[in-house]
Amino acid sequence: MEAVSVLEQIAEATRAIRGRTTVQPAVGIILGTGLGGLADRIEVECAIPYDEIPNFPLSTVESHSGRLLFGRLGGKPVVAMQGRFHLYEGYDLQRVTLPVRVMRALGAETLVVSNACGGMNPFWAAGDLVLIADHINLLGDNPLIGPNHEELGPRFPDMSEPYSQALQDLAVQVALDERIPLRRGVYAAVAGPNLETRAEYRMLRTMGADVVGMSTVPEVIVAVHGGMRVLGISIITDDCFPDSLQPAVLESILRVARGAEPRLTALVEGVVARM
């Protein structure tokens, strides 16, 4: 996808969306696997299916509804992706991250991204919420590879603070006030779609990762490239301890995500309200 083509696709999608809603979002939100229920807390003024937005990919993963929601959350105008895209679905990372570019073009200056993940920290458990402090990109790809267009961001964006420290501090305060247990750790992104082997979990833990998933990092890279502040929150949906590893079952993962979702919803809504 050439840089000029990216600009054209962003512009076309943005025009189509602005023809459907007058909401000027300040915050973009990405809802991950099993986490679409946060949408119920948004005062939705307009919902646009992805297949009605030019150049948008389509969600192919179970529990991803595939709609762009516009409305208010915590008193703030927001746009929320009810379902995201992944490298393993066959989309290149430029395509995966196009919706973030569109959110930015619509006016969003902050991105809140959530995901379901596997937990490798032995002191944590399934159902825990994890504030992402940093990440490790093991996707074998990067959405910024290729020609750079200065209208989108700098050629070499700094990643010393991909997740806003100020937003992390705010999330910690909200969690304390709402009595929501909140971990803080490093997220490793892998390509998937298979889950990891015992040896791979050991490698990831040795590298410094606390949790592992198949998303988030591309969107965060593009958001930072575009000058957005980012807050990332994971739900641990399965324990990934090499010496006691059990086969993962999708139904169990979704059940754990749904169980933790009310706490995630309260946390995100509280953060957005206090921004």
Protein backbone atom coordinates (compact mmCIF):
# COMPACT_ATOMS: atom_id res chain seq x y z
CA MET A 1 0.00 0.00 0.00
CA GLU A 2 1.77 3.16 -1.19
CA ALA A 3 1.79 6.28 1.00
CA VAL A 4 -0.33 8.29 -1.47
CA SER A 5 -2.82 5.44 -1.61
CA VAL A 6 -3.00 5.42 2.18
CA LEU A 7 -3.85 9.12 2.18
CA GLU A 8 -6.54 8.57 -0.44
CA GLN A 9 -8.05 5.68 1.52
CA ILE A 10 -8.07 7.67 4.76
CA ALA A 11 -9.71 10.63 3.01
CA GLU A 12 -12.34 8.47 1.32
CA ALA A 13 -13.27 6.66 4.55
CA THR A 14 -13.35 9.94 6.49
CA ARG A 15 -15.65 11.59 3.95
CA ALA A 16 -18.05 8.66 4.05
CA ILE A 17 -18.16 8.70 7.85
CA ARG A 18 -18.69 12.45 8.08
CA GLY A 19 -21.62 12.02 5.75
CA ARG A 20 -23.25 9.78 8.38
CA THR A 21 -22.50 11.51 11.70
CA THR A 22 -21.66 14.92 13.13
CA VAL A 23 -19.84 13.50 16.18
CA GLN A 24 -16.31 14.92 16.47
CA PRO A 25 -14.54 12.26 18.56
CA ALA A 26 -11.86 13.25 21.05
CA VAL A 27 -11.11 9.64 21.99
CA GLY A 28 -10.80 6.49 19.89
CA ILE A 29 -11.44 3.10 21.53
CA ILE A 30 -10.59 -0.38 20.23
CA LEU A 31 -12.58 -3.23 21.75
CA GLY A 32 -10.81 -6.59 21.63
CA THR A 33 -11.88 -10.25 21.79
CA GLY A 34 -14.85 -10.74 24.08
CA LEU A 35 -14.80 -7.10 25.13
CA GLY A 36 -17.50 -5.64 22.93
CA GLY A 37 -19.81 -5.09 25.91
CA LEU A 38 -18.14 -1.75 26.67
CA ALA A 39 -20.17 -0.55 23.71
CA ASP A 40 -23.27 -0.82 25.91
CA ARG A 41 -21.94 2.05 28.04
CA ILE A 42 -21.56 4.34 25.04
CA GLU A 43 -24.48 6.66 24.30
CA VAL A 44 -24.45 5.68 20.64
CA GLU A 45 -25.60 8.30 18.16
CA CYS A 46 -24.49 6.45 15.05
CA ALA A 47 -23.32 2.89 14.31
CA ILE A 48 -21.71 2.17 10.95
CA PRO A 49 -20.95 -1.41 9.87
CA TYR A 50 -17.41 -1.82 8.57
CA ASP A 51 -18.66 -3.04 5.21
CA GLU A 52 -20.30 0.38 4.69
CA ILE A 53 -17.03 2.27 5.18
CA PRO A 54 -14.78 2.52 2.11
CA ASN A 55 -11.46 0.66 2.42
CA PHE A 56 -12.20 -0.83 5.86
CA PRO A 57 -11.36 -4.52 6.30
CA LEU A 58 -14.01 -6.86 7.70
CA SER A 59 -13.79 -8.63 11.07
CA THR A 60 -13.57 -12.41 10.68
CA VAL A 61 -13.02 -13.33 14.34
CA GLU A 62 -15.72 -14.66 16.66
CA SER A 63 -17.00 -12.01 19.14
CA HIS A 64 -15.93 -9.10 16.90
CA SER A 65 -19.14 -7.36 15.80
CA GLY A 66 -17.59 -5.23 13.06
CA ARG A 67 -19.09 -1.79 13.65
CA LEU A 68 -17.77 1.72 14.19
CA LEU A 69 -19.71 3.40 16.98
CA PHE A 70 -20.01 7.17 17.48
CA GLY A 71 -21.41 8.72 20.64
CA ARG A 72 -20.47 9.76 24.16
CA LEU A 73 -18.75 7.90 26.99
CA GLY A 74 -18.12 9.53 30.35
CA GLY A 75 -19.37 12.77 28.85
CA LYS A 76 -16.74 12.76 26.08
CA PRO A 77 -17.33 12.31 22.33
CA VAL A 78 -15.84 8.99 21.27
CA VAL A 79 -15.49 6.64 18.34
CA ALA A 80 -15.20 2.94 19.14
CA MET A 81 -14.21 -0.03 17.03
CA GLN A 82 -16.49 -2.89 18.02
CA GLY A 83 -14.10 -5.49 16.69
CA ARG A 84 -10.56 -5.17 15.34
CA PHE A 85 -8.35 -6.74 12.68
CA HIS A 86 -5.30 -8.99 12.92
CA LEU A 87 -2.29 -9.96 10.85
CA TYR A 88 -3.34 -13.62 11.03
CA GLU A 89 -6.59 -12.84 9.21
CA GLY A 90 -4.52 -12.21 6.11
CA TYR A 91 -4.53 -8.40 6.23
CA ASP A 92 -1.26 -6.50 5.98
CA LEU A 93 -0.50 -4.19 8.88
CA GLN A 94 -1.22 -1.04 6.86
CA ARG A 95 -4.74 -2.39 6.38
CA VAL A 96 -5.03 -3.53 10.00
CA THR A 97 -4.20 -0.03 11.23
CA LEU A 98 -6.18 2.00 8.69
CA PRO A 99 -9.06 2.54 11.16
CA VAL A 100 -6.65 4.19 13.61
CA ARG A 101 -5.55 6.55 10.85
CA VAL A 102 -9.21 7.33 10.19
CA MET A 103 -9.90 7.94 13.89
CA ARG A 104 -7.02 10.38 13.94
CA ALA A 105 -8.32 12.12 10.80
CA LEU A 106 -11.72 12.47 12.45
CA GLY A 107 -10.11 14.36 15.33
CA ALA A 108 -9.34 11.74 18.01
CA GLU A 109 -6.19 12.68 19.93
CA THR A 110 -6.25 9.76 22.38
CA LEU A 111 -6.47 6.02 21.71
CA VAL A 112 -7.68 3.53 24.32
CA VAL A 113 -6.93 -0.01 23.22
CA SER A 114 -8.03 -3.22 24.93
CA ASN A 115 -7.32 -6.88 24.29
CA ALA A 116 -7.59 -10.40 25.63
CA CYS A 117 -4.22 -12.01 26.32
CA GLY A 118 -2.39 -14.95 27.83
CA GLY A 119 -0.76 -14.42 31.19
CA MET A 120 2.84 -15.54 31.82
CA ASN A 121 3.55 -13.74 35.08
CA PRO A 122 3.26 -16.44 37.78
CA PHE A 123 1.92 -13.93 40.31
CA TRP A 124 -1.08 -13.06 38.14
CA ALA A 125 -4.19 -15.05 37.18
CA ALA A 126 -6.87 -15.34 34.54
CA GLY A 127 -9.38 -12.52 34.90
CA ASP A 128 -6.81 -9.95 36.01
CA LEU A 129 -6.70 -6.54 34.31
CA VAL A 130 -3.25 -5.45 33.14
CA LEU A 131 -2.22 -1.90 32.39
CA ILE A 132 0.21 -2.07 29.47
CA ALA A 133 3.37 -0.19 30.38
CA ASP A 134 5.40 -1.24 27.35
CA HIS A 135 5.42 -3.80 24.55
CA ILE A 136 7.63 -6.12 22.51
CA ASN A 137 6.87 -6.40 18.79
CA LEU A 138 7.41 -10.00 17.64
CA LEU A 139 5.00 -9.86 14.70
CA GLY A 140 7.85 -9.88 12.21
CA ASP A 141 6.37 -6.78 10.58
CA ASN A 142 5.69 -3.10 11.24
CA PRO A 143 2.87 -0.91 9.87
CA LEU A 144 5.35 1.92 9.17
CA ILE A 145 7.49 -0.09 6.74
CA GLY A 146 7.41 1.48 3.29
CA PRO A 147 7.22 5.08 2.09
CA ASN A 148 6.51 7.60 4.84
CA HIS A 149 4.20 10.57 4.38
CA GLU A 150 4.91 13.52 6.66
CA GLU A 151 1.20 14.32 6.79
CA LEU A 152 0.73 11.13 8.81
CA GLY A 153 3.80 11.38 11.03
CA PRO A 154 7.61 11.41 11.13
CA ARG A 155 9.81 8.87 9.40
CA PHE A 156 11.35 7.72 12.70
CA PRO A 157 8.77 8.16 15.49
CA ASP A 158 10.10 7.99 19.04
CA MET A 159 8.84 5.02 21.08
CA SER A 160 10.37 5.79 24.45
CA GLU A 161 6.85 6.23 25.86
CA PRO A 162 4.36 4.46 23.57
CA TYR A 163 1.84 4.26 26.41
CA SER A 164 1.22 7.66 27.97
CA GLN A 165 2.54 7.81 31.52
CA ALA A 166 -0.04 10.45 32.38
CA LEU A 167 -2.86 8.17 31.22
CA GLN A 168 -1.35 5.24 33.11
CA ASP A 169 -1.28 7.33 36.28
CA LEU A 170 -4.89 8.34 35.69
CA ALA A 171 -5.91 4.69 35.17
CA VAL A 172 -4.19 3.69 38.42
CA GLN A 173 -6.06 6.43 40.30
CA VAL A 174 -9.40 5.39 38.80
CA ALA A 175 -8.67 1.76 39.69
CA LEU A 176 -7.90 2.75 43.29
CA ASP A 177 -11.05 4.85 43.57
CA GLU A 178 -13.22 2.11 42.06
CA ARG A 179 -11.47 -0.70 44.00
CA ILE A 180 -10.47 -2.43 40.77
CA PRO A 181 -7.33 -4.61 41.06
CA LEU A 182 -4.94 -3.54 38.29
CA ARG A 183 -1.60 -5.05 37.28
CA ARG A 184 1.01 -3.28 35.21
CA GLY A 185 3.31 -5.07 32.77
CA VAL A 186 4.81 -5.70 29.34
CA TYR A 187 2.74 -7.01 26.42
CA ALA A 188 4.35 -9.15 23.71
CA ALA A 189 2.68 -9.27 20.30
CA VAL A 190 3.03 -12.43 18.20
CA ALA A 191 1.59 -13.23 14.79
CA GLY A 192 -0.61 -16.23 15.68
CA PRO A 193 -3.12 -17.63 15.03
CA ASN A 194 -1.78 -20.69 16.86
CA LEU A 195 -1.07 -20.29 20.53
CA GLU A 196 2.49 -20.61 21.79
CA THR A 197 4.47 -23.69 22.75
CA ARG A 198 5.91 -24.24 26.21
CA ALA A 199 9.35 -23.26 24.93
CA GLU A 200 7.97 -20.09 23.38
CA TYR A 201 6.30 -19.07 26.63
CA ARG A 202 9.60 -19.57 28.42
CA MET A 203 11.36 -17.45 25.79
CA LEU A 204 8.79 -14.65 26.06
CA ARG A 205 8.99 -14.61 29.84
CA THR A 206 12.79 -14.53 29.68
CA MET A 207 12.56 -11.55 27.32
CA GLY A 208 10.60 -9.63 29.93
CA ALA A 209 7.01 -10.09 28.76
CA ASP A 210 4.20 -10.52 31.29
CA VAL A 211 1.38 -11.16 28.82
CA VAL A 212 1.13 -12.21 25.18
CA GLY A 213 -1.41 -11.59 22.42
CA MET A 214 -1.88 -11.20 18.68
CA SER A 215 -2.92 -7.57 18.35
CA THR A 216 -2.58 -4.05 19.79
CA VAL A 217 1.05 -3.27 18.94
CA PRO A 218 0.42 -2.29 15.28
CA GLU A 219 -2.40 0.06 16.29
CA VAL A 220 -0.27 1.60 19.03
CA ILE A 221 2.66 2.17 16.66
CA VAL A 222 0.41 3.96 14.18
CA ALA A 223 -1.28 5.99 16.91
CA VAL A 224 2.09 7.17 18.26
CA HIS A 225 3.22 7.88 14.69
CA GLY A 226 0.17 10.12 14.33
CA GLY A 227 0.79 11.98 17.58
CA MET A 228 -1.93 10.32 19.67
CA ARG A 229 -1.72 9.54 23.37
CA VAL A 230 -2.28 5.84 24.08
CA LEU A 231 -3.70 3.85 26.98
CA GLY A 232 -3.58 0.05 26.74
CA ILE A 233 -5.42 -2.43 28.97
CA SER A 234 -5.41 -6.23 28.72
CA ILE A 235 -7.60 -8.90 30.28
CA ILE A 236 -5.73 -12.12 31.08
CA THR A 237 -8.03 -14.83 29.75
CA ASP A 238 -5.81 -17.89 30.20
CA ASP A 239 -2.76 -18.91 32.21
CA CYS A 240 0.32 -19.64 30.11
CA PHE A 241 2.69 -21.28 32.57
CA PRO A 242 4.96 -23.76 30.74
CA ASP A 243 5.20 -26.32 33.55
CA SER A 244 1.43 -26.57 34.05
CA LEU A 245 0.18 -25.64 30.57
CA GLN A 246 -3.31 -26.81 29.65
CA PRO A 247 -4.96 -26.71 26.20
CA ALA A 248 -6.70 -23.38 25.60
CA VAL A 249 -10.42 -23.45 24.81
CA LEU A 250 -11.97 -20.46 23.02
CA GLU A 251 -15.23 -20.76 24.95
CA SER A 252 -13.33 -20.54 28.23
CA ILE A 253 -11.32 -17.53 27.00
CA LEU A 254 -14.50 -15.68 26.04
CA ARG A 255 -16.15 -16.59 29.34
CA VAL A 256 -13.24 -15.16 31.35
CA ALA A 257 -13.23 -12.02 29.19
CA ARG A 258 -16.95 -11.51 29.77
CA GLY A 259 -16.48 -12.00 33.51
CA ALA A 260 -13.78 -9.32 33.68
CA GLU A 261 -15.54 -6.98 31.29
CA PRO A 262 -17.52 -5.00 33.92
CA ARG A 263 -14.26 -4.01 35.62
CA LEU A 264 -12.67 -3.06 32.31
CA THR A 265 -15.76 -1.03 31.42
CA ALA A 266 -15.71 0.84 34.73
CA LEU A 267 -11.99 1.52 34.37
CA VAL A 268 -12.16 2.82 30.80
CA GLU A 269 -15.27 4.89 31.43
CA GLY A 270 -13.68 6.39 34.52
CA VAL A 271 -10.49 7.29 32.68
CA VAL A 272 -12.34 8.84 29.74
CA ALA A 273 -14.57 10.85 32.08
CA ARG A 274 -11.52 12.32 33.87
CA MET A 275 -9.45 13.13 30.79
